[in-house]
Protein backbone atom coordinates (compact mmCIF):
# COMPACT_ATOMS: atom_id res chain seq x y z
CA MET A 1 186.78 7.57 -249.90
CA LEU A 2 185.70 3.96 -248.40
CA ASP A 3 186.36 1.21 -250.81
CA LEU A 4 183.06 -0.80 -251.50
CA SER A 5 185.27 -4.21 -251.58
CA ARG A 6 186.58 -3.65 -248.16
CA LEU A 7 183.27 -2.13 -246.86
CA ARG A 8 182.02 -5.30 -248.26
CA ALA A 9 184.44 -7.51 -246.73
CA LEU A 10 184.15 -6.52 -243.57
CA HIS A 11 180.63 -6.74 -243.63
CA ALA A 12 180.99 -10.44 -244.42
CA VAL A 13 182.87 -11.16 -241.45
CA ALA A 14 180.24 -9.45 -238.82
CA MET A 15 177.60 -11.10 -240.62
CA HIS A 16 179.30 -14.99 -240.79
CA GLY A 17 181.27 -14.51 -237.63
CA SER A 18 184.94 -15.35 -238.55
CA VAL A 19 187.23 -14.20 -241.86
CA SER A 20 187.80 -18.09 -242.78
CA ALA A 21 183.63 -18.16 -243.37
CA ALA A 22 183.67 -14.32 -244.80
CA ALA A 23 186.27 -15.53 -247.71
CA VAL A 24 183.98 -18.93 -248.08
CA ALA A 25 180.76 -16.80 -248.75
CA LEU A 26 183.05 -14.05 -250.98
CA GLY A 27 184.77 -16.83 -253.18
CA TYR A 28 188.44 -15.39 -252.01
CA THR A 29 190.99 -16.76 -249.45
CA PRO A 30 191.08 -16.08 -245.72
CA SER A 31 194.25 -13.78 -246.48
CA ALA A 32 192.48 -11.56 -249.16
CA VAL A 33 189.67 -10.78 -246.45
CA SER A 34 192.15 -10.26 -244.14
CA GLN A 35 194.12 -7.56 -246.24
CA GLN A 36 191.08 -6.09 -247.47
CA ILE A 37 190.05 -5.23 -243.47
CA ALA A 38 194.26 -4.00 -242.71
CA LYS A 39 193.81 -1.77 -245.65
CA LEU A 40 190.08 -0.70 -244.58
CA GLU A 41 191.95 -0.28 -241.02
CA ARG A 42 194.42 1.94 -242.76
CA GLU A 43 191.99 4.09 -244.22
CA THR A 44 190.05 4.78 -241.41
CA ARG A 45 192.85 4.88 -238.95
CA THR A 46 190.31 2.80 -236.88
CA THR A 47 191.45 -1.13 -235.34
CA LEU A 48 188.39 -3.27 -236.86
CA LEU A 49 188.81 -6.77 -235.65
CA GLU A 50 190.17 -7.68 -232.13
CA ARG A 51 192.37 -11.24 -231.31
CA ARG A 52 190.01 -13.07 -229.15
CA GLY A 53 191.63 -16.76 -228.76
CA ARG A 54 192.00 -18.25 -232.05
CA GLY A 55 189.17 -16.00 -233.39
CA VAL A 56 188.29 -12.51 -234.26
CA VAL A 57 186.12 -9.61 -232.83
CA LEU A 58 184.41 -6.42 -233.95
CA THR A 59 185.21 -3.85 -232.32
CA ASP A 60 182.23 -0.80 -231.66
CA ALA A 61 183.66 1.51 -234.53
CA ALA A 62 183.77 -1.60 -236.79
CA HIS A 63 180.20 -2.20 -235.48
CA HIS A 64 179.38 0.95 -236.75
CA LEU A 65 180.65 0.94 -239.87
CA VAL A 66 179.04 -2.66 -240.59
CA GLU A 67 175.59 -0.64 -240.53
CA ALA A 68 177.14 1.95 -242.75
CA ALA A 69 177.90 -1.03 -245.10
CA GLU A 70 174.81 -2.67 -245.28
CA GLN A 71 173.28 0.56 -246.41
CA LEU A 72 175.56 1.10 -249.77
CA LEU A 73 175.52 -2.57 -250.28
CA ALA A 74 171.42 -2.49 -250.28
CA LEU A 75 171.82 0.91 -252.66
CA VAL A 76 174.33 -0.92 -254.81
CA GLU A 77 172.38 -3.79 -254.97
CA ARG A 78 169.30 -1.84 -255.98
CA ALA A 79 171.65 -0.75 -259.01
CA GLU A 80 172.54 -3.75 -260.14
CA THR A 81 169.05 -5.06 -259.68
CA ALA A 82 167.95 -1.83 -262.19
CA LEU A 83 171.27 -3.15 -264.66
CA GLU A 84 169.99 -6.58 -264.81
CA GLU A 85 166.16 -6.24 -265.59
CA ARG A 86 167.26 -3.63 -268.39
CA ARG A 87 169.55 -6.23 -270.05
CA GLY A 88 166.42 -9.02 -269.46
CA ARG A 89 169.20 -11.56 -268.87
CA PRO A 90 171.02 -13.25 -265.66
CA THR A 91 174.22 -11.55 -265.21
CA GLY A 92 177.05 -10.55 -262.60
CA ARG A 93 177.03 -12.49 -259.17
CA LEU A 94 174.78 -14.71 -257.30
CA VAL A 95 175.58 -16.02 -253.78
CA ILE A 96 173.07 -19.03 -253.59
CA GLY A 97 172.80 -20.57 -249.58
CA ALA A 98 171.79 -24.15 -249.25
CA PHE A 99 172.01 -27.03 -246.36
CA ALA A 100 173.89 -29.74 -246.70
CA SER A 101 171.81 -32.47 -248.07
CA ALA A 102 170.33 -29.98 -250.61
CA ALA A 103 173.76 -28.48 -251.39
CA ARG A 104 174.37 -32.05 -252.45
CA GLY A 105 171.21 -33.44 -254.00
CA LEU A 106 169.74 -30.48 -255.91
CA LEU A 107 172.41 -27.88 -256.59
CA PRO A 108 174.93 -29.46 -258.57
CA PRO A 109 172.95 -29.91 -261.48
CA VAL A 110 170.80 -26.42 -261.23
CA LEU A 111 174.41 -24.72 -260.99
CA ALA A 112 175.44 -26.69 -263.65
CA ARG A 113 172.33 -25.36 -265.87
CA LEU A 114 172.79 -22.00 -264.90
CA GLY A 115 176.27 -22.05 -265.99
CA ARG A 116 175.85 -23.41 -269.27
CA ASP A 117 172.85 -21.58 -269.85
CA HIS A 118 174.06 -18.30 -268.77
CA PRO A 119 177.39 -17.65 -269.15
CA SER A 120 177.12 -13.76 -268.19
CA LEU A 121 175.95 -15.12 -264.48
CA ASP A 122 178.46 -15.93 -261.81
CA ALA A 123 176.72 -18.20 -259.48
CA ARG A 124 178.20 -19.16 -256.07
CA LEU A 125 177.39 -21.88 -253.78
CA VAL A 126 177.90 -21.48 -250.04
CA GLU A 127 176.65 -24.17 -247.33
CA VAL A 128 173.81 -22.39 -244.38
CA ASP A 129 172.22 -23.97 -242.00
CA PRO A 130 168.03 -23.63 -242.68
CA HIS A 131 167.74 -21.82 -238.79
CA LEU A 132 170.06 -18.75 -240.27
CA SER A 133 168.93 -18.57 -243.60
CA PRO A 134 165.89 -15.89 -243.49
CA ASP A 135 168.04 -13.29 -241.83
CA LEU A 136 171.04 -14.38 -244.19
CA VAL A 137 168.75 -13.56 -247.40
CA ALA A 138 167.02 -10.29 -245.31
CA ARG A 139 170.62 -8.70 -244.34
CA GLY A 140 171.88 -9.34 -247.89
CA VAL A 141 174.65 -11.43 -246.86
CA ILE A 142 173.01 -14.35 -249.32
CA ASP A 143 170.87 -13.65 -252.27
CA LEU A 144 169.04 -16.80 -252.63
CA ALA A 145 168.44 -19.84 -249.94
CA VAL A 146 167.60 -23.04 -250.25
CA THR A 147 166.04 -23.81 -246.67
CA HIS A 148 163.26 -25.96 -245.44
CA ASP A 149 160.91 -26.67 -242.27
CA TRP A 150 159.26 -29.50 -240.66
CA ASP A 151 155.18 -29.43 -240.05
CA ILE A 152 156.57 -29.01 -236.42
CA SER A 153 158.78 -26.09 -237.04
CA PRO A 154 157.00 -24.07 -239.32
CA LEU A 155 159.61 -21.79 -241.65
CA PRO A 156 159.72 -17.92 -240.27
CA ALA A 157 158.95 -15.54 -242.56
CA PRO A 158 160.88 -12.03 -241.28
CA GLU A 159 159.93 -9.27 -242.68
CA GLY A 160 162.00 -8.37 -246.05
CA VAL A 161 162.10 -11.82 -247.28
CA GLU A 162 159.90 -13.54 -250.23
CA ARG A 163 159.78 -17.21 -250.86
CA ALA A 164 158.51 -20.15 -253.17
CA VAL A 165 157.74 -23.57 -252.31
CA ILE A 166 160.44 -26.06 -254.02
CA GLY A 167 159.05 -29.45 -253.01
CA ASP A 168 158.23 -31.77 -250.58
CA ASP A 169 160.99 -34.42 -249.22
CA PRO A 170 159.92 -37.56 -247.61
CA SER A 171 161.80 -39.24 -244.90
CA ASP A 172 162.17 -42.92 -244.12
CA ILE A 173 163.34 -45.36 -241.37
CA LEU A 174 166.60 -46.72 -242.04
CA VAL A 175 167.64 -49.89 -240.34
CA PRO A 176 170.14 -52.54 -239.83
CA ASP A 177 169.31 -55.64 -241.87
CA GLY A 178 167.97 -58.29 -239.73
CA HIS A 179 166.61 -55.87 -237.12
CA PRO A 180 163.17 -56.50 -236.39
CA LEU A 181 161.81 -53.82 -238.03
CA ALA A 182 163.85 -54.81 -241.22
CA ALA A 183 160.96 -57.18 -241.97
CA LEU A 184 157.81 -55.18 -241.88
CA PRO A 185 156.77 -53.46 -244.84
CA VAL A 186 155.41 -50.20 -243.39
CA LEU A 187 156.20 -48.57 -239.58
CA GLY A 188 153.53 -47.01 -237.60
CA ARG A 189 154.81 -44.72 -234.64
CA ALA A 190 154.10 -47.37 -231.89
CA ASP A 191 157.23 -49.33 -234.01
CA LEU A 192 159.36 -46.11 -233.13
CA ALA A 193 159.24 -46.80 -229.41
CA GLY A 194 162.15 -48.21 -227.03
CA ARG A 195 164.26 -48.09 -230.59
CA ARG A 196 168.18 -47.14 -230.11
CA TRP A 197 168.29 -44.28 -232.19
CA ILE A 198 170.77 -42.24 -234.53
CA CYS A 199 170.27 -38.65 -234.87
CA GLN A 200 171.08 -35.10 -235.49
CA PRO A 201 172.29 -33.57 -232.55
CA PRO A 202 170.17 -31.08 -230.60
CA GLY A 203 169.53 -27.96 -232.22
CA SER A 204 167.99 -29.04 -235.50
CA VAL A 205 164.77 -29.35 -236.90
CA CYS A 206 165.38 -33.18 -237.24
CA HIS A 207 166.02 -33.59 -234.28
CA ASP A 208 163.30 -32.03 -232.65
CA TRP A 209 160.67 -33.90 -234.90
CA LEU A 210 161.71 -36.94 -233.22
CA VAL A 211 162.06 -35.78 -229.93
CA ARG A 212 158.77 -34.51 -229.89
CA THR A 213 156.90 -36.93 -231.86
CA LEU A 214 157.89 -39.98 -229.97
CA ARG A 215 156.94 -37.69 -226.61
CA ALA A 216 153.86 -37.17 -228.58
CA ASP A 217 152.82 -40.54 -228.34
CA GLY A 218 154.40 -41.35 -225.07
CA HIS A 219 157.53 -42.64 -225.08
CA GLU A 220 161.36 -40.90 -224.14
CA PRO A 221 163.67 -41.57 -227.00
CA ASP A 222 167.28 -43.13 -226.98
CA LEU A 223 169.53 -40.91 -228.30
CA ALA A 224 172.49 -42.77 -228.17
CA TYR A 225 174.49 -41.33 -231.45
CA GLN A 226 174.26 -38.06 -232.38
CA VAL A 227 175.71 -36.37 -235.01
CA ALA A 228 174.65 -33.64 -238.01
CA GLU A 229 176.09 -35.51 -241.53
CA TYR A 230 172.88 -38.26 -242.43
CA HIS A 231 175.89 -39.96 -244.19
CA SER A 232 177.41 -40.46 -241.12
CA GLN A 233 174.59 -41.70 -239.65
CA ILE A 234 174.06 -44.54 -242.20
CA ALA A 235 177.09 -45.74 -241.75
CA LEU A 236 175.99 -46.31 -237.93
CA VAL A 237 172.78 -48.14 -238.76
CA ALA A 238 174.93 -49.99 -241.53
CA ALA A 239 177.43 -51.16 -238.45
CA GLY A 240 174.31 -52.42 -236.29
CA LEU A 241 173.69 -49.85 -233.83
CA GLY A 242 170.61 -48.16 -234.23
CA ILE A 243 168.12 -46.78 -236.73
CA ALA A 244 167.23 -43.18 -238.10
CA LEU A 245 164.98 -41.08 -239.28
CA VAL A 246 166.61 -39.81 -242.92
CA PRO A 247 165.36 -38.02 -245.74
CA ARG A 248 165.28 -39.03 -248.97
CA LEU A 249 166.97 -35.61 -250.47
CA GLY A 250 170.49 -35.93 -251.20
CA ARG A 251 170.53 -39.16 -249.29
CA GLY A 252 171.47 -41.58 -252.46
CA PRO A 253 171.82 -45.56 -252.60
CA VAL A 254 172.01 -46.87 -248.86
CA PRO A 255 174.63 -49.42 -248.39
CA ALA A 256 174.57 -53.01 -248.20
CA GLY A 257 173.50 -53.91 -244.41
CA VAL A 258 170.52 -51.44 -244.47
CA VAL A 259 167.27 -51.60 -244.58
CA VAL A 260 164.72 -48.77 -245.75
CA VAL A 261 161.63 -48.88 -244.49
CA PRO A 262 158.34 -46.58 -245.02
CA LEU A 263 156.95 -44.83 -241.67
CA ASP A 264 153.19 -43.98 -241.77
CA PRO A 265 152.13 -41.63 -241.49
CA THR A 266 155.14 -40.38 -243.65
CA PRO A 267 157.49 -37.14 -242.46
CA VAL A 268 157.94 -34.52 -244.63
CA ARG A 269 160.15 -31.58 -244.81
CA ARG A 270 159.29 -28.83 -247.34
CA LEU A 271 161.71 -27.16 -248.80
CA TYR A 272 161.71 -23.25 -250.06
CA ALA A 273 163.20 -20.49 -251.87
CA LEU A 274 163.92 -17.29 -250.23
CA TRP A 275 164.92 -13.95 -251.22
CA ARG A 276 164.66 -10.29 -251.00
CA PRO A 277 161.66 -8.27 -252.49
CA GLY A 278 164.10 -5.81 -253.97
CA ALA A 279 165.51 -8.42 -255.49
CA ALA A 280 162.55 -9.92 -256.90
CA ARG A 281 163.39 -8.26 -260.04
CA ARG A 282 166.62 -9.86 -261.04
CA PRO A 283 166.25 -12.24 -263.77
CA ALA A 284 169.22 -14.22 -261.76
CA ILE A 285 166.85 -14.82 -258.99
CA THR A 286 163.70 -15.63 -261.38
CA GLU A 287 166.13 -17.91 -263.60
CA ALA A 288 167.43 -19.84 -260.22
CA VAL A 289 164.11 -20.25 -258.74
CA ARG A 290 162.61 -21.84 -262.09
CA ALA A 291 165.33 -24.05 -262.41
CA LEU A 292 165.32 -25.39 -258.51
CA ARG A 293 161.70 -26.09 -259.49
CA ALA A 294 162.56 -27.77 -262.44
CA HIS A 295 165.07 -30.15 -261.28
CA TRP A 296 163.15 -30.78 -258.00
CA PRO A 297 161.74 -34.35 -259.76
CA GLU A 298 165.15 -35.17 -260.84
CA ARG A 299 166.75 -35.01 -257.66
CA ASP A 300 168.72 -37.81 -255.55
CA GLY A 301 165.89 -40.42 -253.88
């Protein structure tokens, strides 16, 4: 008899790409995940993970087992959803995936409210790249995702995922104090030409928005500093190294030496909650989405 918790551990490694990432998602230590998979290997008399450099890769046998695990976990989810629906209150574990600034600027009061109002609910948070969120929800790796899109890159809606709008997050231009743009009350896109930029690395939606927008106006952006964390970008702006486009969610008060200037038209990213249709009846899902929407006006802007 295969142990479901061990299959869940193997499934998490397959979905997240490493033992350490699987441990974060499951709320275990990496050692505990490794032990679960070692026991599963003994039960199946099969090698499931192979060392590759500093990481691991799944064997062919492991991939077949993961496919079976997905079906079993889906059955378990349906059973748990039915039980929770009968109780009429949020219970059990709810794994929420969110991108970094949502995890900082929106989720803390939401998680606190869920824990306070629903003590039988075990709500957990995992930081997830917004590009990966829809697929992780569809495959059952996470129960609920907080993700976003921009007008140039609409959020994909894969089969097996439902969504609701949480709110719109405007972005501003941050410039060093004393910079020529700092004296302007509002910036137009023509004002952004020829500037030295601090932005996210290629592959991020914010990076793509900046490049496409400036090129559409006939300007090739000078992307001098490419760092993922917005707070790191703000520190570079404060040092006088360039200007940055930074969303308001989770930004917090800017430090001395940084001036916030609005851009017209205002760049906006839209936040969504994503979940599987089969889980839509879960009180935990409906309460979490309600809490996300209720706390949106209270975000740190």
